[in-house]
């Protein structure tokens, strides 16, 4: 659970995108690392 009022707009957009089936990453992460829906467990982010 997240307190959306305490989160950055960029984080909220990224989270909403992943939950809708997209991907998200931080530019500070190594190239090739990203978040996406877990392909085996519905509702989880991997």
ModelCIF file with pLDDT and N, C-alpha, C, O atoms, coordinates in Angstrom:
data_MODEL
#
_entry.id   MODEL 
#
_entity.id                         1 
_entity.type                       polymer 
_entity.pdbx_number_of_molecules   1 
#
_entity_poly.entity_id                      1 
_entity_poly.type                           'polypeptide(L)' 
_entity_poly.nstd_linkage                   no 
_entity_poly.nstd_monomer                   no 
_entity_poly.pdbx_seq_one_letter_code       
;(UNK)(UNK)(UNK)(UNK)(UNK)(UNK)(UNK)(UNK)(UNK)(UNK)(UNK)(UNK)(UNK)(UNK)(UNK)(UNK)
(UNK)(UNK)(UNK)(UNK)(UNK)(UNK)(UNK)(UNK)(UNK)(UNK)(UNK)(UNK)(UNK)(UNK)(UNK)(UNK)
(UNK)(UNK)(UNK)(UNK)(UNK)(UNK)(UNK)(UNK)(UNK)(UNK)(UNK)(UNK)(UNK)(UNK)
;
_entity_poly.pdbx_seq_one_letter_code_can   XXXXXXXXXXXXXXXXXXXXXXXXXXXXXXXXXXXXXXXXXXXXXX 
_entity_poly.pdbx_strand_id                 A 
#
loop_
_entity_poly_seq.entity_id 
_entity_poly_seq.num 
_entity_poly_seq.mon_id 
_entity_poly_seq.hetero 
1 1  UNK n 
1 2  UNK n 
1 3  UNK n 
1 4  UNK n 
1 5  UNK n 
1 6  UNK n 
1 7  UNK n 
1 8  UNK n 
1 9  UNK n 
1 10 UNK n 
1 11 UNK n 
1 12 UNK n 
1 13 UNK n 
1 14 UNK n 
1 15 UNK n 
1 16 UNK n 
1 17 UNK n 
1 18 UNK n 
1 19 UNK n 
1 20 UNK n 
1 21 UNK n 
1 22 UNK n 
1 23 UNK n 
1 24 UNK n 
1 25 UNK n 
1 26 UNK n 
1 27 UNK n 
1 28 UNK n 
1 29 UNK n 
1 30 UNK n 
1 31 UNK n 
1 32 UNK n 
1 33 UNK n 
1 34 UNK n 
1 35 UNK n 
1 36 UNK n 
1 37 UNK n 
1 38 UNK n 
1 39 UNK n 
1 40 UNK n 
1 41 UNK n 
1 42 UNK n 
1 43 UNK n 
1 44 UNK n 
1 45 UNK n 
1 46 UNK n 
#
_struct_asym.id          A 
_struct_asym.entity_id   1 
#
loop_
_ma_qa_metric.id 
_ma_qa_metric.mode 
_ma_qa_metric.name 
_ma_qa_metric.software_group_id 
_ma_qa_metric.type 
1 global pLDDT . pLDDT 
2 local  pLDDT . pLDDT 
#
_ma_qa_metric_global.metric_id      1 
_ma_qa_metric_global.metric_value   91.02 
_ma_qa_metric_global.model_id       1 
_ma_qa_metric_global.ordinal_id     1 
#
loop_
_ma_qa_metric_local.label_asym_id 
_ma_qa_metric_local.label_comp_id 
_ma_qa_metric_local.label_seq_id 
_ma_qa_metric_local.metric_id 
_ma_qa_metric_local.metric_value 
_ma_qa_metric_local.model_id 
_ma_qa_metric_local.ordinal_id 
A UNK 1  2 60.00 1 1  
A UNK 2  2 66.00 1 2  
A UNK 3  2 75.00 1 3  
A UNK 4  2 75.00 1 4  
A UNK 5  2 76.00 1 5  
A UNK 6  2 83.00 1 6  
A UNK 7  2 89.00 1 7  
A UNK 8  2 94.00 1 8  
A UNK 9  2 95.00 1 9  
A UNK 10 2 96.00 1 10 
A UNK 11 2 94.00 1 11 
A UNK 12 2 94.00 1 12 
A UNK 13 2 96.00 1 13 
A UNK 14 2 95.00 1 14 
A UNK 15 2 93.00 1 15 
A UNK 16 2 93.00 1 16 
A UNK 17 2 96.00 1 17 
A UNK 18 2 95.00 1 18 
A UNK 19 2 91.00 1 19 
A UNK 20 2 94.00 1 20 
A UNK 21 2 95.00 1 21 
A UNK 22 2 96.00 1 22 
A UNK 23 2 96.00 1 23 
A UNK 24 2 97.00 1 24 
A UNK 25 2 97.00 1 25 
A UNK 26 2 96.00 1 26 
A UNK 27 2 97.00 1 27 
A UNK 28 2 96.00 1 28 
A UNK 29 2 95.00 1 29 
A UNK 30 2 94.00 1 30 
A UNK 31 2 93.00 1 31 
A UNK 32 2 95.00 1 32 
A UNK 33 2 96.00 1 33 
A UNK 34 2 96.00 1 34 
A UNK 35 2 96.00 1 35 
A UNK 36 2 96.00 1 36 
A UNK 37 2 94.00 1 37 
A UNK 38 2 93.00 1 38 
A UNK 39 2 91.00 1 39 
A UNK 40 2 90.00 1 40 
A UNK 41 2 89.00 1 41 
A UNK 42 2 88.00 1 42 
A UNK 43 2 85.00 1 43 
A UNK 44 2 90.00 1 44 
A UNK 45 2 92.00 1 45 
A UNK 46 2 94.00 1 46 
#
loop_
_atom_site.group_PDB 
_atom_site.id 
_atom_site.type_symbol 
_atom_site.label_atom_id 
_atom_site.label_alt_id 
_atom_site.label_comp_id 
_atom_site.label_asym_id 
_atom_site.label_entity_id 
_atom_site.label_seq_id 
_atom_site.pdbx_PDB_ins_code 
_atom_site.Cartn_x 
_atom_site.Cartn_y 
_atom_site.Cartn_z 
_atom_site.occupancy 
_atom_site.B_iso_or_equiv 
_atom_site.pdbx_formal_charge 
_atom_site.auth_seq_id 
_atom_site.auth_comp_id 
_atom_site.auth_asym_id 
_atom_site.auth_atom_id 
_atom_site.pdbx_PDB_model_num 
ATOM 1   N N  . UNK A 1 1  ? 0.840  -1.192  0.000   1.00 60.00 ? 1  UNK A N  1 
ATOM 2   C CA . UNK A 1 1  ? 0.000  0.000   0.000   1.00 60.00 ? 1  UNK A CA 1 
ATOM 3   C C  . UNK A 1 1  ? 0.873  1.240   0.000   1.00 60.00 ? 1  UNK A C  1 
ATOM 4   O O  . UNK A 1 1  ? 1.952  1.248   0.592   1.00 60.00 ? 1  UNK A O  1 
ATOM 5   N N  . UNK A 1 2  ? 0.410  2.282   -0.661  1.00 66.00 ? 2  UNK A N  1 
ATOM 6   C CA . UNK A 1 2  ? 1.148  3.531   -0.756  1.00 66.00 ? 2  UNK A CA 1 
ATOM 7   C C  . UNK A 1 2  ? 0.265  4.687   -0.354  1.00 66.00 ? 2  UNK A C  1 
ATOM 8   O O  . UNK A 1 2  ? -0.927 4.711   -0.661  1.00 66.00 ? 2  UNK A O  1 
ATOM 9   N N  . UNK A 1 3  ? 0.853  5.643   0.334   1.00 75.00 ? 3  UNK A N  1 
ATOM 10  C CA . UNK A 1 3  ? 0.189  6.914   0.582   1.00 75.00 ? 3  UNK A CA 1 
ATOM 11  C C  . UNK A 1 3  ? 0.520  7.786   -0.623  1.00 75.00 ? 3  UNK A C  1 
ATOM 12  O O  . UNK A 1 3  ? 1.595  8.382   -0.688  1.00 75.00 ? 3  UNK A O  1 
ATOM 13  N N  . UNK A 1 4  ? -0.386 7.857   -1.554  1.00 75.00 ? 4  UNK A N  1 
ATOM 14  C CA . UNK A 1 4  ? -0.118 8.572   -2.807  1.00 75.00 ? 4  UNK A CA 1 
ATOM 15  C C  . UNK A 1 4  ? 0.225  10.041  -2.571  1.00 75.00 ? 4  UNK A C  1 
ATOM 16  O O  . UNK A 1 4  ? 0.917  10.649  -3.388  1.00 75.00 ? 4  UNK A O  1 
ATOM 17  N N  . UNK A 1 5  ? -0.246 10.618  -1.472  1.00 76.00 ? 5  UNK A N  1 
ATOM 18  C CA . UNK A 1 5  ? 0.072  12.010  -1.172  1.00 76.00 ? 5  UNK A CA 1 
ATOM 19  C C  . UNK A 1 5  ? 1.537  12.198  -0.810  1.00 76.00 ? 5  UNK A C  1 
ATOM 20  O O  . UNK A 1 5  ? 2.060  13.308  -0.909  1.00 76.00 ? 5  UNK A O  1 
ATOM 21  N N  . UNK A 1 6  ? 2.207  11.128  -0.392  1.00 83.00 ? 6  UNK A N  1 
ATOM 22  C CA . UNK A 1 6  ? 3.619  11.204  -0.007  1.00 83.00 ? 6  UNK A CA 1 
ATOM 23  C C  . UNK A 1 6  ? 4.544  10.766  -1.137  1.00 83.00 ? 6  UNK A C  1 
ATOM 24  O O  . UNK A 1 6  ? 5.765  10.800  -0.981  1.00 83.00 ? 6  UNK A O  1 
ATOM 25  N N  . UNK A 1 7  ? 3.982  10.357  -2.269  1.00 89.00 ? 7  UNK A N  1 
ATOM 26  C CA . UNK A 1 7  ? 4.775  9.856   -3.395  1.00 89.00 ? 7  UNK A CA 1 
ATOM 27  C C  . UNK A 1 7  ? 4.914  10.925  -4.473  1.00 89.00 ? 7  UNK A C  1 
ATOM 28  O O  . UNK A 1 7  ? 4.056  11.794  -4.627  1.00 89.00 ? 7  UNK A O  1 
ATOM 29  N N  . UNK A 1 8  ? 6.016  10.839  -5.215  1.00 94.00 ? 8  UNK A N  1 
ATOM 30  C CA . UNK A 1 8  ? 6.200  11.773  -6.324  1.00 94.00 ? 8  UNK A CA 1 
ATOM 31  C C  . UNK A 1 8  ? 5.213  11.452  -7.449  1.00 94.00 ? 8  UNK A C  1 
ATOM 32  O O  . UNK A 1 8  ? 4.804  10.300  -7.597  1.00 94.00 ? 8  UNK A O  1 
ATOM 33  N N  . UNK A 1 9  ? 4.832  12.441  -8.230  1.00 95.00 ? 9  UNK A N  1 
ATOM 34  C CA . UNK A 1 9  ? 3.949  12.186  -9.376  1.00 95.00 ? 9  UNK A CA 1 
ATOM 35  C C  . UNK A 1 9  ? 4.573  11.201  -10.365 1.00 95.00 ? 9  UNK A C  1 
ATOM 36  O O  . UNK A 1 9  ? 3.864  10.410  -10.987 1.00 95.00 ? 9  UNK A O  1 
ATOM 37  N N  . UNK A 1 10 ? 5.889  11.249  -10.509 1.00 96.00 ? 10 UNK A N  1 
ATOM 38  C CA . UNK A 1 10 ? 6.573  10.332  -11.426 1.00 96.00 ? 10 UNK A CA 1 
ATOM 39  C C  . UNK A 1 10 ? 6.446  8.880   -10.954 1.00 96.00 ? 10 UNK A C  1 
ATOM 40  O O  . UNK A 1 10 ? 6.257  7.969   -11.760 1.00 96.00 ? 10 UNK A O  1 
ATOM 41  N N  . UNK A 1 11 ? 6.553  8.679   -9.638  1.00 94.00 ? 11 UNK A N  1 
ATOM 42  C CA . UNK A 1 11 ? 6.400  7.330   -9.089  1.00 94.00 ? 11 UNK A CA 1 
ATOM 43  C C  . UNK A 1 11 ? 4.974  6.825   -9.293  1.00 94.00 ? 11 UNK A C  1 
ATOM 44  O O  . UNK A 1 11 ? 4.768  5.681   -9.699  1.00 94.00 ? 11 UNK A O  1 
ATOM 45  N N  . UNK A 1 12 ? 4.010  7.663   -9.016  1.00 94.00 ? 12 UNK A N  1 
ATOM 46  C CA . UNK A 1 12 ? 2.607  7.262   -9.172  1.00 94.00 ? 12 UNK A CA 1 
ATOM 47  C C  . UNK A 1 12 ? 2.325  6.890   -10.625 1.00 94.00 ? 12 UNK A C  1 
ATOM 48  O O  . UNK A 1 12 ? 1.662  5.888   -10.893 1.00 94.00 ? 12 UNK A O  1 
ATOM 49  N N  . UNK A 1 13 ? 2.824  7.691   -11.559 1.00 96.00 ? 13 UNK A N  1 
ATOM 50  C CA . UNK A 1 13 ? 2.631  7.395   -12.980 1.00 96.00 ? 13 UNK A CA 1 
ATOM 51  C C  . UNK A 1 13 ? 3.302  6.065   -13.348 1.00 96.00 ? 13 UNK A C  1 
ATOM 52  O O  . UNK A 1 13 ? 2.715  5.249   -14.059 1.00 96.00 ? 13 UNK A O  1 
ATOM 53  N N  . UNK A 1 14 ? 4.523  5.851   -12.867 1.00 95.00 ? 14 UNK A N  1 
ATOM 54  C CA . UNK A 1 14 ? 5.236  4.599   -13.150 1.00 95.00 ? 14 UNK A CA 1 
ATOM 55  C C  . UNK A 1 14 ? 4.483  3.400   -12.585 1.00 95.00 ? 14 UNK A C  1 
ATOM 56  O O  . UNK A 1 14 ? 4.319  2.389   -13.266 1.00 95.00 ? 14 UNK A O  1 
ATOM 57  N N  . UNK A 1 15 ? 4.029  3.512   -11.352 1.00 93.00 ? 15 UNK A N  1 
ATOM 58  C CA . UNK A 1 15 ? 3.298  2.414   -10.713 1.00 93.00 ? 15 UNK A CA 1 
ATOM 59  C C  . UNK A 1 15 ? 1.997  2.127   -11.457 1.00 93.00 ? 15 UNK A C  1 
ATOM 60  O O  . UNK A 1 15 ? 1.675  0.968   -11.718 1.00 93.00 ? 15 UNK A O  1 
ATOM 61  N N  . UNK A 1 16 ? 1.258  3.158   -11.794 1.00 93.00 ? 16 UNK A N  1 
ATOM 62  C CA . UNK A 1 16 ? 0.007  2.973   -12.532 1.00 93.00 ? 16 UNK A CA 1 
ATOM 63  C C  . UNK A 1 16 ? 0.267  2.317   -13.891 1.00 93.00 ? 16 UNK A C  1 
ATOM 64  O O  . UNK A 1 16 ? -0.513 1.477   -14.340 1.00 93.00 ? 16 UNK A O  1 
ATOM 65  N N  . UNK A 1 17 ? 1.359  2.703   -14.537 1.00 96.00 ? 17 UNK A N  1 
ATOM 66  C CA . UNK A 1 17 ? 1.705  2.121   -15.839 1.00 96.00 ? 17 UNK A CA 1 
ATOM 67  C C  . UNK A 1 17 ? 2.015  0.636   -15.710 1.00 96.00 ? 17 UNK A C  1 
ATOM 68  O O  . UNK A 1 17 ? 1.548  -0.168  -16.517 1.00 96.00 ? 17 UNK A O  1 
ATOM 69  N N  . UNK A 1 18 ? 2.798  0.267   -14.703 1.00 95.00 ? 18 UNK A N  1 
ATOM 70  C CA . UNK A 1 18 ? 3.123  -1.153  -14.498 1.00 95.00 ? 18 UNK A CA 1 
ATOM 71  C C  . UNK A 1 18 ? 1.861  -1.944  -14.166 1.00 95.00 ? 18 UNK A C  1 
ATOM 72  O O  . UNK A 1 18 ? 1.663  -3.040  -14.691 1.00 95.00 ? 18 UNK A O  1 
ATOM 73  N N  . UNK A 1 19 ? 1.022  -1.410  -13.314 1.00 91.00 ? 19 UNK A N  1 
ATOM 74  C CA . UNK A 1 19 ? -0.200 -2.123  -12.949 1.00 91.00 ? 19 UNK A CA 1 
ATOM 75  C C  . UNK A 1 19 ? -1.144 -2.279  -14.140 1.00 91.00 ? 19 UNK A C  1 
ATOM 76  O O  . UNK A 1 19 ? -2.007 -3.156  -14.142 1.00 91.00 ? 19 UNK A O  1 
ATOM 77  N N  . UNK A 1 20 ? -0.977 -1.422  -15.155 1.00 94.00 ? 20 UNK A N  1 
ATOM 78  C CA . UNK A 1 20 ? -1.783 -1.520  -16.378 1.00 94.00 ? 20 UNK A CA 1 
ATOM 79  C C  . UNK A 1 20 ? -1.100 -2.388  -17.442 1.00 94.00 ? 20 UNK A C  1 
ATOM 80  O O  . UNK A 1 20 ? -1.582 -2.482  -18.571 1.00 94.00 ? 20 UNK A O  1 
ATOM 81  N N  . UNK A 1 21 ? 0.027  -3.021  -17.079 1.00 95.00 ? 21 UNK A N  1 
ATOM 82  C CA . UNK A 1 21 ? 0.684  -3.937  -18.006 1.00 95.00 ? 21 UNK A CA 1 
ATOM 83  C C  . UNK A 1 21 ? 1.938  -3.410  -18.669 1.00 95.00 ? 21 UNK A C  1 
ATOM 84  O O  . UNK A 1 21 ? 2.556  -4.117  -19.464 1.00 95.00 ? 21 UNK A O  1 
ATOM 85  N N  . UNK A 1 22 ? 2.328  -2.183  -18.359 1.00 96.00 ? 22 UNK A N  1 
ATOM 86  C CA . UNK A 1 22 ? 3.530  -1.606  -18.947 1.00 96.00 ? 22 UNK A CA 1 
ATOM 87  C C  . UNK A 1 22 ? 4.768  -1.900  -18.121 1.00 96.00 ? 22 UNK A C  1 
ATOM 88  O O  . UNK A 1 22 ? 4.779  -2.816  -17.298 1.00 96.00 ? 22 UNK A O  1 
ATOM 89  N N  . UNK A 1 23 ? 5.812  -1.109  -18.349 1.00 96.00 ? 23 UNK A N  1 
ATOM 90  C CA . UNK A 1 23 ? 7.054  -1.252  -17.604 1.00 96.00 ? 23 UNK A CA 1 
ATOM 91  C C  . UNK A 1 23 ? 7.473  0.106   -17.068 1.00 96.00 ? 23 UNK A C  1 
ATOM 92  O O  . UNK A 1 23 ? 6.999  1.142   -17.534 1.00 96.00 ? 23 UNK A O  1 
ATOM 93  N N  . UNK A 1 24 ? 8.364  0.093   -16.084 1.00 97.00 ? 24 UNK A N  1 
ATOM 94  C CA . UNK A 1 24 ? 8.902  1.331   -15.534 1.00 97.00 ? 24 UNK A CA 1 
ATOM 95  C C  . UNK A 1 24 ? 10.307 1.069   -15.025 1.00 97.00 ? 24 UNK A C  1 
ATOM 96  O O  . UNK A 1 24 ? 10.648 -0.039  -14.611 1.00 97.00 ? 24 UNK A O  1 
ATOM 97  N N  . UNK A 1 25 ? 11.107 2.116   -15.069 1.00 97.00 ? 25 UNK A N  1 
ATOM 98  C CA . UNK A 1 25 ? 12.462 2.014   -14.539 1.00 97.00 ? 25 UNK A CA 1 
ATOM 99  C C  . UNK A 1 25 ? 12.894 3.389   -14.064 1.00 97.00 ? 25 UNK A C  1 
ATOM 100 O O  . UNK A 1 25 ? 12.314 4.411   -14.433 1.00 97.00 ? 25 UNK A O  1 
ATOM 101 N N  . UNK A 1 26 ? 13.925 3.385   -13.237 1.00 96.00 ? 26 UNK A N  1 
ATOM 102 C CA . UNK A 1 26 ? 14.539 4.636   -12.823 1.00 96.00 ? 26 UNK A CA 1 
ATOM 103 C C  . UNK A 1 26 ? 15.772 4.858   -13.677 1.00 96.00 ? 26 UNK A C  1 
ATOM 104 O O  . UNK A 1 26 ? 16.492 3.910   -13.992 1.00 96.00 ? 26 UNK A O  1 
ATOM 105 N N  . UNK A 1 27 ? 16.017 6.090   -14.048 1.00 97.00 ? 27 UNK A N  1 
ATOM 106 C CA . UNK A 1 27 ? 17.193 6.364   -14.871 1.00 97.00 ? 27 UNK A CA 1 
ATOM 107 C C  . UNK A 1 27 ? 18.479 6.095   -14.100 1.00 97.00 ? 27 UNK A C  1 
ATOM 108 O O  . UNK A 1 27 ? 19.536 5.934   -14.709 1.00 97.00 ? 27 UNK A O  1 
ATOM 109 N N  . UNK A 1 28 ? 18.410 6.046   -12.785 1.00 96.00 ? 28 UNK A N  1 
ATOM 110 C CA . UNK A 1 28 ? 19.585 5.765   -11.963 1.00 96.00 ? 28 UNK A CA 1 
ATOM 111 C C  . UNK A 1 28 ? 19.886 4.265   -11.865 1.00 96.00 ? 28 UNK A C  1 
ATOM 112 O O  . UNK A 1 28 ? 20.939 3.882   -11.357 1.00 96.00 ? 28 UNK A O  1 
ATOM 113 N N  . UNK A 1 29 ? 18.985 3.425   -12.339 1.00 95.00 ? 29 UNK A N  1 
ATOM 114 C CA . UNK A 1 29 ? 19.206 1.976   -12.312 1.00 95.00 ? 29 UNK A CA 1 
ATOM 115 C C  . UNK A 1 29 ? 20.112 1.564   -13.468 1.00 95.00 ? 29 UNK A C  1 
ATOM 116 O O  . UNK A 1 29 ? 20.220 2.281   -14.462 1.00 95.00 ? 29 UNK A O  1 
ATOM 117 N N  . UNK A 1 30 ? 20.760 0.410   -13.337 1.00 94.00 ? 30 UNK A N  1 
ATOM 118 C CA . UNK A 1 30 ? 21.577 -0.088  -14.453 1.00 94.00 ? 30 UNK A CA 1 
ATOM 119 C C  . UNK A 1 30 ? 20.716 -0.312  -15.699 1.00 94.00 ? 30 UNK A C  1 
ATOM 120 O O  . UNK A 1 30 ? 19.544 -0.677  -15.599 1.00 94.00 ? 30 UNK A O  1 
ATOM 121 N N  . UNK A 1 31 ? 21.303 -0.092  -16.854 1.00 93.00 ? 31 UNK A N  1 
ATOM 122 C CA . UNK A 1 31 ? 20.597 -0.330  -18.120 1.00 93.00 ? 31 UNK A CA 1 
ATOM 123 C C  . UNK A 1 31 ? 20.092 -1.774  -18.150 1.00 93.00 ? 31 UNK A C  1 
ATOM 124 O O  . UNK A 1 31 ? 20.817 -2.693  -17.769 1.00 93.00 ? 31 UNK A O  1 
ATOM 125 N N  . UNK A 1 32 ? 18.872 -1.970  -18.594 1.00 95.00 ? 32 UNK A N  1 
ATOM 126 C CA . UNK A 1 32 ? 18.292 -3.309  -18.678 1.00 95.00 ? 32 UNK A CA 1 
ATOM 127 C C  . UNK A 1 32 ? 17.530 -3.751  -17.446 1.00 95.00 ? 32 UNK A C  1 
ATOM 128 O O  . UNK A 1 32 ? 16.964 -4.844  -17.434 1.00 95.00 ? 32 UNK A O  1 
ATOM 129 N N  . UNK A 1 33 ? 17.500 -2.924  -16.406 1.00 96.00 ? 33 UNK A N  1 
ATOM 130 C CA . UNK A 1 33 ? 16.734 -3.257  -15.199 1.00 96.00 ? 33 UNK A CA 1 
ATOM 131 C C  . UNK A 1 33 ? 15.437 -2.473  -15.218 1.00 96.00 ? 33 UNK A C  1 
ATOM 132 O O  . UNK A 1 33 ? 15.443 -1.261  -15.434 1.00 96.00 ? 33 UNK A O  1 
ATOM 133 N N  . UNK A 1 34 ? 14.315 -3.163  -14.991 1.00 96.00 ? 34 UNK A N  1 
ATOM 134 C CA . UNK A 1 34 ? 13.013 -2.497  -15.024 1.00 96.00 ? 34 UNK A CA 1 
ATOM 135 C C  . UNK A 1 34 ? 12.000 -3.289  -14.216 1.00 96.00 ? 34 UNK A C  1 
ATOM 136 O O  . UNK A 1 34 ? 12.240 -4.437  -13.842 1.00 96.00 ? 34 UNK A O  1 
ATOM 137 N N  . UNK A 1 35 ? 10.876 -2.662  -13.955 1.00 96.00 ? 35 UNK A N  1 
ATOM 138 C CA . UNK A 1 35 ? 9.742  -3.297  -13.283 1.00 96.00 ? 35 UNK A CA 1 
ATOM 139 C C  . UNK A 1 35 ? 8.682  -3.628  -14.318 1.00 96.00 ? 35 UNK A C  1 
ATOM 140 O O  . UNK A 1 35 ? 8.481  -2.889  -15.282 1.00 96.00 ? 35 UNK A O  1 
ATOM 141 N N  . UNK A 1 36 ? 8.009  -4.748  -14.105 1.00 96.00 ? 36 UNK A N  1 
ATOM 142 C CA . UNK A 1 36 ? 6.906  -5.157  -14.973 1.00 96.00 ? 36 UNK A CA 1 
ATOM 143 C C  . UNK A 1 36 ? 6.002  -6.072  -14.164 1.00 96.00 ? 36 UNK A C  1 
ATOM 144 O O  . UNK A 1 36 ? 6.399  -6.563  -13.108 1.00 96.00 ? 36 UNK A O  1 
ATOM 145 N N  . UNK A 1 37 ? 4.791  -6.305  -14.653 1.00 94.00 ? 37 UNK A N  1 
ATOM 146 C CA . UNK A 1 37 ? 3.918  -7.236  -13.946 1.00 94.00 ? 37 UNK A CA 1 
ATOM 147 C C  . UNK A 1 37 ? 4.577  -8.617  -13.847 1.00 94.00 ? 37 UNK A C  1 
ATOM 148 O O  . UNK A 1 37 ? 5.225  -9.075  -14.788 1.00 94.00 ? 37 UNK A O  1 
ATOM 149 N N  . UNK A 1 38 ? 4.401  -9.267  -12.698 1.00 93.00 ? 38 UNK A N  1 
ATOM 150 C CA . UNK A 1 38 ? 4.908  -10.625 -12.509 1.00 93.00 ? 38 UNK A CA 1 
ATOM 151 C C  . UNK A 1 38 ? 4.133  -11.542 -13.454 1.00 93.00 ? 38 UNK A C  1 
ATOM 152 O O  . UNK A 1 38 ? 2.904  -11.578 -13.403 1.00 93.00 ? 38 UNK A O  1 
ATOM 153 N N  . UNK A 1 39 ? 4.833  -12.284 -14.317 1.00 91.00 ? 39 UNK A N  1 
ATOM 154 C CA . UNK A 1 39 ? 4.129  -13.121 -15.294 1.00 91.00 ? 39 UNK A CA 1 
ATOM 155 C C  . UNK A 1 39 ? 3.443  -14.350 -14.699 1.00 91.00 ? 39 UNK A C  1 
ATOM 156 O O  . UNK A 1 39 ? 2.632  -14.989 -15.369 1.00 91.00 ? 39 UNK A O  1 
ATOM 157 N N  . UNK A 1 40 ? 3.759  -14.683 -13.461 1.00 90.00 ? 40 UNK A N  1 
ATOM 158 C CA . UNK A 1 40 ? 3.183  -15.892 -12.863 1.00 90.00 ? 40 UNK A CA 1 
ATOM 159 C C  . UNK A 1 40 ? 2.249  -15.619 -11.692 1.00 90.00 ? 40 UNK A C  1 
ATOM 160 O O  . UNK A 1 40 ? 1.479  -16.497 -11.301 1.00 90.00 ? 40 UNK A O  1 
ATOM 161 N N  . UNK A 1 41 ? 2.303  -14.409 -11.122 1.00 89.00 ? 41 UNK A N  1 
ATOM 162 C CA . UNK A 1 41 ? 1.455  -14.085 -9.972  1.00 89.00 ? 41 UNK A CA 1 
ATOM 163 C C  . UNK A 1 41 ? 0.723  -12.776 -10.261 1.00 89.00 ? 41 UNK A C  1 
ATOM 164 O O  . UNK A 1 41 ? 1.321  -11.701 -10.235 1.00 89.00 ? 41 UNK A O  1 
ATOM 165 N N  . UNK A 1 42 ? -0.554 -12.877 -10.533 1.00 88.00 ? 42 UNK A N  1 
ATOM 166 C CA . UNK A 1 42 ? -1.357 -11.697 -10.867 1.00 88.00 ? 42 UNK A CA 1 
ATOM 167 C C  . UNK A 1 42 ? -1.318 -10.674 -9.736  1.00 88.00 ? 42 UNK A C  1 
ATOM 168 O O  . UNK A 1 42 ? -1.421 -11.021 -8.559  1.00 88.00 ? 42 UNK A O  1 
ATOM 169 N N  . UNK A 1 43 ? -1.168 -9.418  -10.114 1.00 85.00 ? 43 UNK A N  1 
ATOM 170 C CA . UNK A 1 43 ? -1.200 -8.334  -9.146  1.00 85.00 ? 43 UNK A CA 1 
ATOM 171 C C  . UNK A 1 43 ? 0.132  -8.015  -8.498  1.00 85.00 ? 43 UNK A C  1 
ATOM 172 O O  . UNK A 1 43 ? 0.226  -7.045  -7.746  1.00 85.00 ? 43 UNK A O  1 
ATOM 173 N N  . UNK A 1 44 ? 1.160  -8.797  -8.765  1.00 90.00 ? 44 UNK A N  1 
ATOM 174 C CA . UNK A 1 44 ? 2.479  -8.522  -8.202  1.00 90.00 ? 44 UNK A CA 1 
ATOM 175 C C  . UNK A 1 44 ? 3.373  -7.869  -9.249  1.00 90.00 ? 44 UNK A C  1 
ATOM 176 O O  . UNK A 1 44 ? 3.232  -8.103  -10.449 1.00 90.00 ? 44 UNK A O  1 
ATOM 177 N N  . UNK A 1 45 ? 4.287  -7.051  -8.765  1.00 92.00 ? 45 UNK A N  1 
ATOM 178 C CA . UNK A 1 45 ? 5.263  -6.399  -9.624  1.00 92.00 ? 45 UNK A CA 1 
ATOM 179 C C  . UNK A 1 45 ? 6.597  -7.095  -9.424  1.00 92.00 ? 45 UNK A C  1 
ATOM 180 O O  . UNK A 1 45 ? 7.012  -7.351  -8.294  1.00 92.00 ? 45 UNK A O  1 
ATOM 181 N N  . UNK A 1 46 ? 7.266  -7.401  -10.529 1.00 94.00 ? 46 UNK A N  1 
ATOM 182 C CA . UNK A 1 46 ? 8.543  -8.105  -10.486 1.00 94.00 ? 46 UNK A CA 1 
ATOM 183 C C  . UNK A 1 46 ? 9.661  -7.233  -11.032 1.00 94.00 ? 46 UNK A C  1 
ATOM 184 O O  . UNK A 1 46 ? 10.814 -7.662  -11.075 1.00 94.00 ? 46 UNK A O  1 
#
